[in-house]
Amino acid sequence: MMSQMYESTHKTRKRRCNEKLAPYIISPFNSYKIAWDNFISLATMVAFIVDPYIFAFNFEPLENEALFYAQSNLTWIFTADLVLNFFTGIPKEDVFVDTK
């Protein structure tokens, strides 16, 4: 029973992936989007390490060049993710909502 449910969900996802979307809508099942989400997860983990380090040891990012570049890059990565998420469709049960 569980495998049948998985197969039907997998077929629905596959069908939704192959549907024609508006050119500016990104499918949440796209392999590039999934890779991007994994990259953002990694960037978030780095931010969880770098930010407390800066606050705990009272570093100014401008004094330490590596911390400055790390903070700047993380800020731009999170900004790009914010913009990208505005163009990502939303899966809801059997319907694929392509606008927000």
N, C-alpha and C. Protein backbone atom coordinates (compact mmCIF):
# COMPACT_ATOMS: atom_id res chain seq x y z
N MET A 1 0.81 -1.18 0.00
CA MET A 1 0.00 0.00 0.00
C MET A 1 0.86 1.25 0.00
N MET A 2 1.91 1.26 0.80
CA MET A 2 2.78 2.41 0.88
C MET A 2 3.50 2.65 -0.45
N SER A 3 3.91 1.56 -1.12
CA SER A 3 4.60 1.72 -2.39
C SER A 3 3.65 2.27 -3.46
N GLN A 4 2.37 1.88 -3.40
CA GLN A 4 1.40 2.41 -4.36
C GLN A 4 1.20 3.91 -4.15
N MET A 5 1.15 4.32 -2.89
CA MET A 5 1.00 5.73 -2.59
C MET A 5 2.22 6.51 -3.08
N TYR A 6 3.42 5.95 -2.87
CA TYR A 6 4.64 6.60 -3.34
C TYR A 6 4.65 6.71 -4.86
N GLU A 7 4.24 5.61 -5.54
CA GLU A 7 4.23 5.63 -7.00
C GLU A 7 3.26 6.67 -7.53
N SER A 8 2.09 6.78 -6.92
CA SER A 8 1.13 7.77 -7.41
C SER A 8 1.65 9.18 -7.16
N THR A 9 2.27 9.41 -6.01
CA THR A 9 2.85 10.73 -5.72
C THR A 9 3.99 11.02 -6.68
N HIS A 10 4.82 10.02 -6.93
CA HIS A 10 5.95 10.19 -7.85
C HIS A 10 5.46 10.50 -9.26
N LYS A 11 4.41 9.79 -9.70
CA LYS A 11 3.86 10.05 -11.03
C LYS A 11 3.26 11.45 -11.12
N THR A 12 2.58 11.86 -10.05
CA THR A 12 2.00 13.20 -10.03
C THR A 12 3.09 14.25 -10.11
N ARG A 13 4.16 14.06 -9.35
CA ARG A 13 5.27 15.01 -9.39
C ARG A 13 5.91 15.03 -10.76
N LYS A 14 6.09 13.85 -11.34
CA LYS A 14 6.71 13.78 -12.66
C LYS A 14 5.82 14.47 -13.69
N ARG A 15 4.50 14.24 -13.57
CA ARG A 15 3.57 14.88 -14.50
C ARG A 15 3.63 16.39 -14.33
N ARG A 16 3.67 16.85 -13.08
CA ARG A 16 3.71 18.28 -12.83
C ARG A 16 5.02 18.89 -13.32
N CYS A 17 6.10 18.13 -13.24
CA CYS A 17 7.40 18.63 -13.70
C CYS A 17 7.40 18.83 -15.21
N ASN A 18 6.72 17.97 -15.91
CA ASN A 18 6.73 18.02 -17.37
C ASN A 18 5.71 19.01 -17.93
N GLU A 19 4.84 19.53 -17.08
CA GLU A 19 3.86 20.49 -17.57
C GLU A 19 4.56 21.78 -17.98
N LYS A 20 3.98 22.43 -18.96
CA LYS A 20 4.53 23.69 -19.45
C LYS A 20 4.18 24.80 -18.46
N LEU A 21 5.19 25.45 -17.92
CA LEU A 21 4.99 26.56 -16.99
C LEU A 21 5.28 27.87 -17.71
N ALA A 22 4.83 28.94 -17.12
CA ALA A 22 5.18 30.25 -17.65
C ALA A 22 6.70 30.38 -17.60
N PRO A 23 7.30 31.14 -18.52
CA PRO A 23 8.76 31.19 -18.59
C PRO A 23 9.43 31.73 -17.32
N TYR A 24 8.72 32.49 -16.53
CA TYR A 24 9.33 33.07 -15.34
C TYR A 24 9.06 32.24 -14.07
N ILE A 25 8.31 31.14 -14.19
CA ILE A 25 8.01 30.30 -13.03
C ILE A 25 9.01 29.15 -12.97
N ILE A 26 9.57 28.93 -11.80
CA ILE A 26 10.53 27.85 -11.58
C ILE A 26 9.81 26.72 -10.84
N SER A 27 9.90 25.52 -11.36
CA SER A 27 9.28 24.38 -10.71
C SER A 27 10.05 24.01 -9.45
N PRO A 28 9.37 23.77 -8.34
CA PRO A 28 10.08 23.37 -7.13
C PRO A 28 10.68 21.97 -7.22
N PHE A 29 10.30 21.21 -8.26
CA PHE A 29 10.84 19.87 -8.45
C PHE A 29 12.00 19.84 -9.43
N ASN A 30 12.40 21.00 -9.94
CA ASN A 30 13.52 21.10 -10.86
C ASN A 30 14.81 20.71 -10.15
N SER A 31 15.66 19.95 -10.80
CA SER A 31 16.89 19.48 -10.16
C SER A 31 17.82 20.63 -9.80
N TYR A 32 17.83 21.69 -10.61
CA TYR A 32 18.66 22.86 -10.29
C TYR A 32 18.13 23.58 -9.05
N LYS A 33 16.82 23.65 -8.91
CA LYS A 33 16.22 24.29 -7.74
C LYS A 33 16.51 23.48 -6.49
N ILE A 34 16.45 22.17 -6.59
CA ILE A 34 16.76 21.31 -5.45
C ILE A 34 18.22 21.46 -5.05
N ALA A 35 19.12 21.53 -6.04
CA ALA A 35 20.54 21.74 -5.75
C ALA A 35 20.75 23.11 -5.10
N TRP A 36 20.04 24.12 -5.61
CA TRP A 36 20.15 25.47 -5.03
C TRP A 36 19.69 25.46 -3.57
N ASP A 37 18.59 24.77 -3.27
CA ASP A 37 18.10 24.69 -1.90
C ASP A 37 19.10 23.99 -0.99
N ASN A 38 19.78 22.96 -1.50
CA ASN A 38 20.82 22.30 -0.71
C ASN A 38 21.99 23.25 -0.46
N PHE A 39 22.35 24.03 -1.47
CA PHE A 39 23.42 25.01 -1.32
C PHE A 39 23.04 26.06 -0.27
N ILE A 40 21.79 26.51 -0.29
CA ILE A 40 21.33 27.49 0.69
C ILE A 40 21.36 26.89 2.10
N SER A 41 21.05 25.62 2.21
CA SER A 41 21.14 24.96 3.52
C SER A 41 22.57 24.97 4.04
N LEU A 42 23.51 24.71 3.16
CA LEU A 42 24.92 24.75 3.54
C LEU A 42 25.34 26.18 3.92
N ALA A 43 24.89 27.18 3.16
CA ALA A 43 25.21 28.57 3.46
C ALA A 43 24.63 28.98 4.80
N THR A 44 23.45 28.48 5.12
CA THR A 44 22.84 28.78 6.41
C THR A 44 23.66 28.19 7.55
N MET A 45 24.15 26.97 7.36
CA MET A 45 25.00 26.36 8.39
C MET A 45 26.29 27.16 8.58
N VAL A 46 26.86 27.65 7.50
CA VAL A 46 28.07 28.49 7.60
C VAL A 46 27.74 29.77 8.36
N ALA A 47 26.59 30.37 8.08
CA ALA A 47 26.18 31.59 8.78
C ALA A 47 25.99 31.32 10.27
N PHE A 48 25.49 30.13 10.62
CA PHE A 48 25.33 29.78 12.03
C PHE A 48 26.67 29.67 12.75
N ILE A 49 27.74 29.44 12.01
CA ILE A 49 29.07 29.36 12.62
C ILE A 49 29.75 30.72 12.61
N VAL A 50 29.69 31.43 11.49
CA VAL A 50 30.42 32.68 11.34
C VAL A 50 29.83 33.79 12.21
N ASP A 51 28.52 33.95 12.21
CA ASP A 51 27.89 35.05 12.95
C ASP A 51 28.16 34.99 14.46
N PRO A 52 27.94 33.86 15.12
CA PRO A 52 28.27 33.82 16.55
C PRO A 52 29.76 34.05 16.83
N TYR A 53 30.61 33.62 15.91
CA TYR A 53 32.05 33.85 16.06
C TYR A 53 32.35 35.34 16.07
N ILE A 54 31.70 36.08 15.18
CA ILE A 54 31.91 37.52 15.11
C ILE A 54 31.40 38.20 16.38
N PHE A 55 30.22 37.81 16.83
CA PHE A 55 29.65 38.43 18.02
C PHE A 55 30.39 38.04 19.30
N ALA A 56 30.81 36.78 19.40
CA ALA A 56 31.45 36.30 20.63
C ALA A 56 32.83 36.93 20.83
N PHE A 57 33.58 37.07 19.76
CA PHE A 57 34.92 37.60 19.89
C PHE A 57 35.02 39.08 19.51
N ASN A 58 33.85 39.70 19.32
CA ASN A 58 33.77 41.13 19.05
C ASN A 58 34.66 41.57 17.88
N PHE A 59 34.62 40.80 16.81
CA PHE A 59 35.38 41.14 15.61
C PHE A 59 34.58 42.12 14.76
N GLU A 60 35.27 43.05 14.20
CA GLU A 60 34.68 43.89 13.18
C GLU A 60 35.00 43.23 11.84
N PRO A 61 34.01 42.95 11.01
CA PRO A 61 34.29 42.28 9.75
C PRO A 61 35.29 43.03 8.86
N LEU A 62 35.33 44.36 8.99
CA LEU A 62 36.26 45.12 8.15
C LEU A 62 37.71 44.92 8.58
N GLU A 63 37.93 44.58 9.85
CA GLU A 63 39.30 44.33 10.33
C GLU A 63 39.84 43.01 9.82
N ASN A 64 38.99 42.02 9.71
CA ASN A 64 39.39 40.70 9.25
C ASN A 64 38.84 40.50 7.84
N GLU A 65 39.74 40.47 6.87
CA GLU A 65 39.33 40.43 5.47
C GLU A 65 38.52 39.17 5.13
N ALA A 66 38.90 38.03 5.68
CA ALA A 66 38.19 36.78 5.38
C ALA A 66 36.75 36.84 5.90
N LEU A 67 36.56 37.38 7.11
CA LEU A 67 35.21 37.50 7.66
C LEU A 67 34.38 38.50 6.86
N PHE A 68 35.01 39.56 6.40
CA PHE A 68 34.30 40.55 5.59
C PHE A 68 33.77 39.92 4.31
N TYR A 69 34.62 39.16 3.61
CA TYR A 69 34.19 38.52 2.38
C TYR A 69 33.15 37.43 2.64
N ALA A 70 33.30 36.70 3.73
CA ALA A 70 32.32 35.67 4.07
C ALA A 70 30.94 36.29 4.33
N GLN A 71 30.92 37.36 5.12
CA GLN A 71 29.66 38.03 5.41
C GLN A 71 29.05 38.64 4.15
N SER A 72 29.86 39.28 3.33
CA SER A 72 29.35 39.90 2.10
C SER A 72 28.78 38.85 1.15
N ASN A 73 29.50 37.76 0.97
CA ASN A 73 29.03 36.71 0.07
C ASN A 73 27.75 36.06 0.60
N LEU A 74 27.68 35.82 1.89
CA LEU A 74 26.46 35.23 2.46
C LEU A 74 25.27 36.18 2.29
N THR A 75 25.50 37.46 2.45
CA THR A 75 24.42 38.43 2.27
C THR A 75 23.90 38.40 0.84
N TRP A 76 24.79 38.37 -0.14
CA TRP A 76 24.37 38.34 -1.54
C TRP A 76 23.71 37.02 -1.91
N ILE A 77 24.19 35.92 -1.35
CA ILE A 77 23.59 34.61 -1.61
C ILE A 77 22.17 34.56 -1.07
N PHE A 78 21.96 35.05 0.16
CA PHE A 78 20.63 35.04 0.74
C PHE A 78 19.70 36.01 0.02
N THR A 79 20.23 37.12 -0.49
CA THR A 79 19.41 38.05 -1.27
C THR A 79 18.98 37.40 -2.58
N ALA A 80 19.89 36.71 -3.24
CA ALA A 80 19.55 36.01 -4.48
C ALA A 80 18.51 34.93 -4.22
N ASP A 81 18.61 34.23 -3.10
CA ASP A 81 17.63 33.20 -2.76
C ASP A 81 16.26 33.82 -2.51
N LEU A 82 16.23 34.96 -1.87
CA LEU A 82 14.97 35.64 -1.62
C LEU A 82 14.27 35.99 -2.94
N VAL A 83 15.02 36.53 -3.89
CA VAL A 83 14.46 36.89 -5.19
C VAL A 83 14.03 35.64 -5.94
N LEU A 84 14.85 34.60 -5.91
CA LEU A 84 14.54 33.36 -6.60
C LEU A 84 13.25 32.71 -6.08
N ASN A 85 13.02 32.81 -4.78
CA ASN A 85 11.82 32.20 -4.20
C ASN A 85 10.54 32.90 -4.64
N PHE A 86 10.62 34.15 -5.06
CA PHE A 86 9.43 34.83 -5.58
C PHE A 86 8.99 34.24 -6.92
N PHE A 87 9.89 33.56 -7.61
CA PHE A 87 9.58 32.99 -8.93
C PHE A 87 9.40 31.48 -8.89
N THR A 88 9.35 30.90 -7.70
CA THR A 88 9.19 29.46 -7.56
C THR A 88 7.72 29.13 -7.32
N GLY A 89 7.21 28.14 -8.06
CA GLY A 89 5.82 27.71 -7.89
C GLY A 89 5.64 26.99 -6.57
N ILE A 90 4.39 26.81 -6.18
CA ILE A 90 4.07 26.18 -4.91
C ILE A 90 3.28 24.90 -5.18
N PRO A 91 3.76 23.73 -4.71
CA PRO A 91 2.96 22.51 -4.86
C PRO A 91 1.93 22.41 -3.74
N LYS A 92 0.68 22.15 -4.09
CA LYS A 92 -0.37 21.96 -3.10
C LYS A 92 -1.22 20.77 -3.53
N GLU A 93 -1.08 19.67 -2.82
CA GLU A 93 -1.80 18.43 -3.06
C GLU A 93 -1.80 18.06 -4.55
N ASP A 94 -2.98 18.02 -5.20
CA ASP A 94 -3.02 17.61 -6.60
C ASP A 94 -2.94 18.78 -7.57
N VAL A 95 -2.81 19.99 -7.04
CA VAL A 95 -2.79 21.18 -7.88
C VAL A 95 -1.43 21.84 -7.77
N PHE A 96 -0.92 22.32 -8.89
CA PHE A 96 0.35 23.03 -8.89
C PHE A 96 0.04 24.50 -9.06
N VAL A 97 0.28 25.27 -8.04
CA VAL A 97 0.01 26.72 -8.08
C VAL A 97 1.26 27.39 -8.62
N ASP A 98 1.12 28.07 -9.76
CA ASP A 98 2.31 28.63 -10.38
C ASP A 98 2.49 30.12 -10.14
N THR A 99 1.61 30.73 -9.38
CA THR A 99 1.78 32.13 -9.04
C THR A 99 1.61 32.30 -7.54
N LYS A 100 2.16 33.35 -7.01
CA LYS A 100 2.06 33.61 -5.57
C LYS A 100 1.24 34.85 -5.36
